[in-house]
């Protein structure tokens, strides 16, 4: 929820106020349907999803939790195979095959606490913002993290050769080996999954200033 409301910019704090919520008005928004799940904000495949998956496992272990579990999860993910061999079918007819480091399927703009993965996404345009990041060296990955976090990666001259960005209504992701998917912070391992935008799929209450 904290990541999703960052979409609203200066109005994001209104969601923390009972007074402003009392005056809320109904507003429609799109959602992402993926098999049996509905996501409001961002789904992802790749390094970030693997790190989240490892974090969930590690924080259940005795004497490991919070920041320690997160740091261990990132380190464990960095030491393993970072990219996945993927086949993406976009809008049912276009195919992209690549070694993908990260795939973001976005309705909102921000996830992971402060990563502005899809800075141009709109929650009511009937479209998915799709960001594919090619496999890169660990050194280049470390150098691009801050650019990615700030939402400056799309169109960045240093990253033009490794980032693919477009808008679509559906995307099917497949791989010869199981891969981890992040659904608004919940992780699951699959070998194939389809994401579809549902236009005006949810009505929520938008807090209003008096």
C-alpha atoms as a PDB file:
ATOM      1  CA  UNK A   1       0.000   0.000   0.000  1.00  0.00           C
ATOM      2  CA  UNK A   2       2.795   2.450   0.837  1.00  0.00           C
ATOM      3  CA  UNK A   3       4.333   1.958  -2.602  1.00  0.00           C
ATOM      4  CA  UNK A   4       1.031   2.204  -4.452  1.00  0.00           C
ATOM      5  CA  UNK A   5       0.002   5.563  -2.941  1.00  0.00           C
ATOM      6  CA  UNK A   6       3.262   7.171  -4.123  1.00  0.00           C
ATOM      7  CA  UNK A   7       1.511   7.303  -7.491  1.00  0.00           C
ATOM      8  CA  UNK A   8      -0.549  10.201  -6.113  1.00  0.00           C
ATOM      9  CA  UNK A   9       2.472  12.397  -5.384  1.00  0.00           C
ATOM     10  CA  UNK A  10       1.657  15.283  -3.051  1.00  0.00           C
ATOM     11  CA  UNK A  11      -1.753  13.753  -2.322  1.00  0.00           C
ATOM     12  CA  UNK A  12      -0.263  10.488  -1.014  1.00  0.00           C
ATOM     13  CA  UNK A  13      -0.376  11.645   2.666  1.00  0.00           C
ATOM     14  CA  UNK A  14      -4.159  12.028   2.354  1.00  0.00           C
ATOM     15  CA  UNK A  15      -4.474   8.248   2.579  1.00  0.00           C
ATOM     16  CA  UNK A  16      -3.117   8.413   6.151  1.00  0.00           C
ATOM     17  CA  UNK A  17      -5.759  10.884   7.301  1.00  0.00           C
ATOM     18  CA  UNK A  18      -9.138   9.709   8.592  1.00  0.00           C
ATOM     19  CA  UNK A  19     -10.508  13.222   8.021  1.00  0.00           C
ATOM     20  CA  UNK A  20      -9.616  13.246   4.319  1.00  0.00           C
ATOM     21  CA  UNK A  21     -10.801   9.664   3.908  1.00  0.00           C
ATOM     22  CA  UNK A  22     -14.154  10.668   5.336  1.00  0.00           C
ATOM     23  CA  UNK A  23     -14.605  12.973   2.342  1.00  0.00           C
ATOM     24  CA  UNK A  24     -13.341  10.383  -0.168  1.00  0.00           C
ATOM     25  CA  UNK A  25     -14.881  10.027  -3.612  1.00  0.00           C
ATOM     26  CA  UNK A  26     -15.109   6.808  -5.640  1.00  0.00           C
ATOM     27  CA  UNK A  27     -12.534   6.483  -8.411  1.00  0.00           C
ATOM     28  CA  UNK A  28     -12.022   3.675 -10.887  1.00  0.00           C
ATOM     29  CA  UNK A  29      -8.623   2.186 -11.611  1.00  0.00           C
ATOM     30  CA  UNK A  30      -7.186  -0.646 -13.669  1.00  0.00           C
ATOM     31  CA  UNK A  31      -5.781  -3.828 -12.164  1.00  0.00           C
ATOM     32  CA  UNK A  32      -3.453  -6.565 -13.428  1.00  0.00           C
ATOM     33  CA  UNK A  33      -4.905 -10.062 -13.582  1.00  0.00           C
ATOM     34  CA  UNK A  34      -2.394 -12.902 -13.569  1.00  0.00           C
ATOM     35  CA  UNK A  35      -3.963 -16.356 -13.552  1.00  0.00           C
ATOM     36  CA  UNK A  36      -5.690 -16.533 -10.160  1.00  0.00           C
ATOM     37  CA  UNK A  37      -4.314 -13.256  -8.746  1.00  0.00           C
ATOM     38  CA  UNK A  38      -5.227  -9.571  -8.957  1.00  0.00           C
ATOM     39  CA  UNK A  39      -2.524  -6.933  -8.464  1.00  0.00           C
ATOM     40  CA  UNK A  40      -3.049  -3.200  -8.089  1.00  0.00           C
ATOM     41  CA  UNK A  41       0.501  -1.953  -8.351  1.00  0.00           C
ATOM     42  CA  UNK A  42       3.449  -3.871  -9.844  1.00  0.00           C
ATOM     43  CA  UNK A  43       4.326  -7.450 -10.714  1.00  0.00           C
ATOM     44  CA  UNK A  44       7.877  -8.434 -11.568  1.00  0.00           C
ATOM     45  CA  UNK A  45      10.116 -11.307 -12.634  1.00  0.00           C
ATOM     46  CA  UNK A  46      13.857 -11.624 -12.139  1.00  0.00           C
ATOM     47  CA  UNK A  47      16.438 -10.368  -9.685  1.00  0.00           C
ATOM     48  CA  UNK A  48      14.037  -8.306  -7.571  1.00  0.00           C
ATOM     49  CA  UNK A  49      11.503 -11.118  -7.319  1.00  0.00           C
ATOM     50  CA  UNK A  50      14.251 -13.614  -6.408  1.00  0.00           C
ATOM     51  CA  UNK A  51      15.522 -11.286  -3.684  1.00  0.00           C
ATOM     52  CA  UNK A  52      11.987 -10.927  -2.298  1.00  0.00           C
ATOM     53  CA  UNK A  53      11.499 -14.687  -2.398  1.00  0.00           C
ATOM     54  CA  UNK A  54      14.781 -15.263  -0.539  1.00  0.00           C
ATOM     55  CA  UNK A  55      13.891 -12.573   1.997  1.00  0.00           C
ATOM     56  CA  UNK A  56      10.576 -14.270   2.800  1.00  0.00           C
ATOM     57  CA  UNK A  57      12.369 -17.561   3.414  1.00  0.00           C
ATOM     58  CA  UNK A  58      15.219 -16.066   5.452  1.00  0.00           C
ATOM     59  CA  UNK A  59      13.110 -13.952   7.802  1.00  0.00           C
ATOM     60  CA  UNK A  60      11.390 -17.121   9.041  1.00  0.00           C
ATOM     61  CA  UNK A  61      14.703 -18.471  10.320  1.00  0.00           C
ATOM     62  CA  UNK A  62      15.590 -18.098  14.023  1.00  0.00           C
ATOM     63  CA  UNK A  63      17.513 -14.918  14.945  1.00  0.00           C
ATOM     64  CA  UNK A  64      17.249 -13.529  11.396  1.00  0.00           C
ATOM     65  CA  UNK A  65      14.782 -10.818  10.533  1.00  0.00           C
ATOM     66  CA  UNK A  66      14.209  -7.355   9.192  1.00  0.00           C
ATOM     67  CA  UNK A  67      17.227  -5.612   7.687  1.00  0.00           C
ATOM     68  CA  UNK A  68      19.548  -8.567   8.296  1.00  0.00           C
ATOM     69  CA  UNK A  69      17.282 -10.901   6.352  1.00  0.00           C
ATOM     70  CA  UNK A  70      16.971  -8.367   3.523  1.00  0.00           C
ATOM     71  CA  UNK A  71      20.740  -7.851   3.219  1.00  0.00           C
ATOM     72  CA  UNK A  72      21.334 -11.598   3.261  1.00  0.00           C
ATOM     73  CA  UNK A  73      18.642 -12.094   0.623  1.00  0.00           C
ATOM     74  CA  UNK A  74      20.229  -9.535  -1.726  1.00  0.00           C
ATOM     75  CA  UNK A  75      23.690 -11.061  -1.189  1.00  0.00           C
ATOM     76  CA  UNK A  76      22.396 -14.570  -1.817  1.00  0.00           C
ATOM     77  CA  UNK A  77      20.663 -13.435  -5.005  1.00  0.00           C
ATOM     78  CA  UNK A  78      23.805 -11.645  -6.240  1.00  0.00           C
ATOM     79  CA  UNK A  79      25.828 -14.819  -5.777  1.00  0.00           C
ATOM     80  CA  UNK A  80      23.400 -16.945  -7.770  1.00  0.00           C
ATOM     81  CA  UNK A  81      22.313 -16.867 -11.418  1.00  0.00           C
ATOM     82  CA  UNK A  82      20.892 -13.371 -11.722  1.00  0.00           C
ATOM     83  CA  UNK A  83      19.082 -13.586 -15.073  1.00  0.00           C
ATOM     84  CA  UNK A  84      16.414 -15.927 -16.447  1.00  0.00           C
ATOM     85  CA  UNK A  85      16.124 -17.362 -19.948  1.00  0.00           C
ATOM     86  CA  UNK A  86      12.738 -15.936 -20.924  1.00  0.00           C
ATOM     87  CA  UNK A  87      10.228 -15.912 -23.762  1.00  0.00           C
ATOM     88  CA  UNK A  88       7.732 -13.032 -23.676  1.00  0.00           C
ATOM     89  CA  UNK A  89       4.638 -12.920 -25.888  1.00  0.00           C
ATOM     90  CA  UNK A  90       3.250  -9.387 -25.975  1.00  0.00           C
ATOM     91  CA  UNK A  91      -0.407  -8.734 -26.876  1.00  0.00           C
ATOM     92  CA  UNK A  92      -0.658 -12.261 -28.184  1.00  0.00           C
ATOM     93  CA  UNK A  93       1.432 -11.845 -31.326  1.00  0.00           C
ATOM     94  CA  UNK A  94       4.898 -10.360 -30.693  1.00  0.00           C
ATOM     95  CA  UNK A  95       7.642 -12.492 -29.182  1.00  0.00           C
ATOM     96  CA  UNK A  96      10.798 -11.375 -27.371  1.00  0.00           C
ATOM     97  CA  UNK A  97      13.316 -13.979 -26.270  1.00  0.00           C
ATOM     98  CA  UNK A  98      16.199 -12.918 -24.049  1.00  0.00           C
ATOM     99  CA  UNK A  99      18.252 -13.413 -20.928  1.00  0.00           C
ATOM    100  CA  UNK A 100      16.284 -11.073 -18.699  1.00  0.00           C
ATOM    101  CA  UNK A 101      17.595  -9.601 -15.457  1.00  0.00           C
ATOM    102  CA  UNK A 102      14.311  -7.908 -14.547  1.00  0.00           C
ATOM    103  CA  UNK A 103      10.843  -7.794 -16.072  1.00  0.00           C
ATOM    104  CA  UNK A 104       8.404  -5.260 -14.632  1.00  0.00           C
ATOM    105  CA  UNK A 105       4.675  -5.441 -15.370  1.00  0.00           C
ATOM    106  CA  UNK A 106       3.371  -2.180 -14.000  1.00  0.00           C
ATOM    107  CA  UNK A 107       0.105  -0.443 -13.273  1.00  0.00           C
ATOM    108  CA  UNK A 108       1.578   1.821 -10.573  1.00  0.00           C
ATOM    109  CA  UNK A 109       4.950   3.570 -10.573  1.00  0.00           C
ATOM    110  CA  UNK A 110       6.891   2.427  -7.499  1.00  0.00           C
ATOM    111  CA  UNK A 111       7.706  -0.792  -5.632  1.00  0.00           C
ATOM    112  CA  UNK A 112      10.256  -2.234  -3.243  1.00  0.00           C
ATOM    113  CA  UNK A 113       9.991   0.752  -0.906  1.00  0.00           C
ATOM    114  CA  UNK A 114      11.476   3.375  -3.210  1.00  0.00           C
ATOM    115  CA  UNK A 115      12.194   1.948  -6.679  1.00  0.00           C
ATOM    116  CA  UNK A 116      10.432   4.016  -9.351  1.00  0.00           C
ATOM    117  CA  UNK A 117      10.449   1.246 -11.938  1.00  0.00           C
ATOM    118  CA  UNK A 118       7.623   2.618 -14.095  1.00  0.00           C
ATOM    119  CA  UNK A 119       7.675   6.421 -13.799  1.00  0.00           C
ATOM    120  CA  UNK A 120       5.248   6.948 -16.711  1.00  0.00           C
ATOM    121  CA  UNK A 121       2.618   4.391 -15.676  1.00  0.00           C
ATOM    122  CA  UNK A 122      -1.032   5.422 -15.312  1.00  0.00           C
ATOM    123  CA  UNK A 123      -3.545   3.496 -13.228  1.00  0.00           C
ATOM    124  CA  UNK A 124      -6.472   4.349 -15.511  1.00  0.00           C
ATOM    125  CA  UNK A 125      -5.135   4.178 -19.088  1.00  0.00           C
ATOM    126  CA  UNK A 126      -6.025   0.530 -19.775  1.00  0.00           C
ATOM    127  CA  UNK A 127      -2.373  -0.346 -20.383  1.00  0.00           C
ATOM    128  CA  UNK A 128       0.497  -2.221 -18.744  1.00  0.00           C
ATOM    129  CA  UNK A 129       3.853  -0.457 -18.643  1.00  0.00           C
ATOM    130  CA  UNK A 130       6.374  -3.160 -19.512  1.00  0.00           C
ATOM    131  CA  UNK A 131      10.065  -2.759 -18.665  1.00  0.00           C
ATOM    132  CA  UNK A 132      12.567  -5.466 -19.627  1.00  0.00           C
ATOM    133  CA  UNK A 133      16.145  -5.238 -18.400  1.00  0.00           C
ATOM    134  CA  UNK A 134      18.709  -7.389 -20.210  1.00  0.00           C
ATOM    135  CA  UNK A 135      21.250  -9.516 -18.393  1.00  0.00           C
ATOM    136  CA  UNK A 136      24.280  -7.404 -17.439  1.00  0.00           C
ATOM    137  CA  UNK A 137      27.474  -7.894 -15.462  1.00  0.00           C
ATOM    138  CA  UNK A 138      27.299  -7.536 -11.692  1.00  0.00           C
ATOM    139  CA  UNK A 139      29.373  -4.349 -11.931  1.00  0.00           C
ATOM    140  CA  UNK A 140      27.008  -2.745 -14.435  1.00  0.00           C
ATOM    141  CA  UNK A 141      24.054  -3.902 -12.350  1.00  0.00           C
ATOM    142  CA  UNK A 142      25.421  -2.146  -9.270  1.00  0.00           C
ATOM    143  CA  UNK A 143      25.962   1.024 -11.318  1.00  0.00           C
ATOM    144  CA  UNK A 144      22.425   1.036 -12.724  1.00  0.00           C
ATOM    145  CA  UNK A 145      20.604   0.407  -9.426  1.00  0.00           C
ATOM    146  CA  UNK A 146      20.548   4.068  -8.363  1.00  0.00           C
ATOM    147  CA  UNK A 147      19.382   5.222 -11.812  1.00  0.00           C
ATOM    148  CA  UNK A 148      16.636   2.585 -11.699  1.00  0.00           C
ATOM    149  CA  UNK A 149      15.656   3.572  -8.165  1.00  0.00           C
ATOM    150  CA  UNK A 150      15.199   7.212  -9.177  1.00  0.00           C
ATOM    151  CA  UNK A 151      13.087   6.292 -12.212  1.00  0.00           C
ATOM    152  CA  UNK A 152      15.609   7.735 -14.671  1.00  0.00           C
ATOM    153  CA  UNK A 153      16.405   4.466 -16.465  1.00  0.00           C
ATOM    154  CA  UNK A 154      13.878   4.767 -19.308  1.00  0.00           C
ATOM    155  CA  UNK A 155      15.577   6.628 -22.137  1.00  0.00           C
ATOM    156  CA  UNK A 156      18.835   6.972 -20.211  1.00  0.00           C
ATOM    157  CA  UNK A 157      21.697   7.066 -22.766  1.00  0.00           C
ATOM    158  CA  UNK A 158      23.887   4.707 -20.728  1.00  0.00           C
ATOM    159  CA  UNK A 159      21.127   2.104 -20.531  1.00  0.00           C
ATOM    160  CA  UNK A 160      19.545   2.346 -23.981  1.00  0.00           C
ATOM    161  CA  UNK A 161      21.122  -0.956 -25.041  1.00  0.00           C
ATOM    162  CA  UNK A 162      19.831  -2.946 -22.062  1.00  0.00           C
ATOM    163  CA  UNK A 163      16.325  -1.586 -21.342  1.00  0.00           C
ATOM    164  CA  UNK A 164      13.220  -2.261 -23.403  1.00  0.00           C
ATOM    165  CA  UNK A 165      10.115  -0.191 -22.580  1.00  0.00           C
ATOM    166  CA  UNK A 166       6.648  -0.292 -24.097  1.00  0.00           C
ATOM    167  CA  UNK A 167       2.962  -0.308 -23.233  1.00  0.00           C
ATOM    168  CA  UNK A 168       0.705  -3.285 -23.871  1.00  0.00           C
ATOM    169  CA  UNK A 169      -2.492  -4.955 -22.657  1.00  0.00           C
ATOM    170  CA  UNK A 170      -1.145  -8.456 -22.025  1.00  0.00           C
ATOM    171  CA  UNK A 171       2.123 -10.330 -21.666  1.00  0.00           C
ATOM    172  CA  UNK A 172       2.823 -14.034 -21.341  1.00  0.00           C
ATOM    173  CA  UNK A 173       6.098 -15.034 -19.701  1.00  0.00           C
ATOM    174  CA  UNK A 174       7.614 -18.497 -20.139  1.00  0.00           C
ATOM    175  CA  UNK A 175      10.911 -20.159 -19.283  1.00  0.00           C
ATOM    176  CA  UNK A 176      12.463 -23.621 -19.557  1.00  0.00           C
ATOM    177  CA  UNK A 177      13.105 -23.477 -15.808  1.00  0.00           C
ATOM    178  CA  UNK A 178      10.845 -22.291 -12.958  1.00  0.00           C
ATOM    179  CA  UNK A 179      11.120 -18.580 -12.138  1.00  0.00           C
ATOM    180  CA  UNK A 180       9.927 -16.386  -9.297  1.00  0.00           C
ATOM    181  CA  UNK A 181       7.139 -13.843  -9.798  1.00  0.00           C
ATOM    182  CA  UNK A 182       6.407 -10.952  -7.452  1.00  0.00           C
ATOM    183  CA  UNK A 183       2.732  -9.961  -7.170  1.00  0.00           C
ATOM    184  CA  UNK A 184       2.513  -6.707  -5.189  1.00  0.00           C
ATOM    185  CA  UNK A 185       5.066  -8.069  -2.719  1.00  0.00           C
ATOM    186  CA  UNK A 186       3.934 -11.702  -2.642  1.00  0.00           C
ATOM    187  CA  UNK A 187       6.214 -14.198  -4.407  1.00  0.00           C
ATOM    188  CA  UNK A 188       5.479 -17.479  -6.145  1.00  0.00           C
ATOM    189  CA  UNK A 189       7.517 -19.824  -8.351  1.00  0.00           C
ATOM    190  CA  UNK A 190       6.033 -20.703 -11.762  1.00  0.00           C
ATOM    191  CA  UNK A 191       7.192 -21.800 -15.223  1.00  0.00           C
ATOM    192  CA  UNK A 192       4.591 -19.862 -17.233  1.00  0.00           C
ATOM    193  CA  UNK A 193       2.246 -16.977 -16.455  1.00  0.00           C
ATOM    194  CA  UNK A 194       0.062 -14.472 -18.297  1.00  0.00           C
ATOM    195  CA  UNK A 195      -0.604 -10.899 -17.162  1.00  0.00           C
ATOM    196  CA  UNK A 196      -3.651  -9.046 -18.485  1.00  0.00           C
ATOM    197  CA  UNK A 197      -4.800  -5.502 -17.771  1.00  0.00           C
ATOM    198  CA  UNK A 198      -8.387  -5.185 -16.596  1.00  0.00           C
ATOM    199  CA  UNK A 199      -9.686  -1.722 -17.468  1.00  0.00           C
ATOM    200  CA  UNK A 200     -11.598  -0.087 -14.572  1.00  0.00           C
ATOM    201  CA  UNK A 201     -11.331  -3.367 -12.680  1.00  0.00           C
ATOM    202  CA  UNK A 202     -11.504  -1.792  -9.227  1.00  0.00           C
ATOM    203  CA  UNK A 203     -13.253   1.118  -7.560  1.00  0.00           C
ATOM    204  CA  UNK A 204     -11.426   2.673  -4.620  1.00  0.00           C
ATOM    205  CA  UNK A 205     -12.017   5.684  -2.384  1.00  0.00           C
ATOM    206  CA  UNK A 206      -9.805   8.669  -3.172  1.00  0.00           C
ATOM    207  CA  UNK A 207      -9.392  10.944  -0.117  1.00  0.00           C
ATOM    208  CA  UNK A 208     -10.296  14.575  -0.709  1.00  0.00           C
ATOM    209  CA  UNK A 209      -9.053  17.792   0.838  1.00  0.00           C
ATOM    210  CA  UNK A 210     -11.762  19.775   2.605  1.00  0.00           C
END
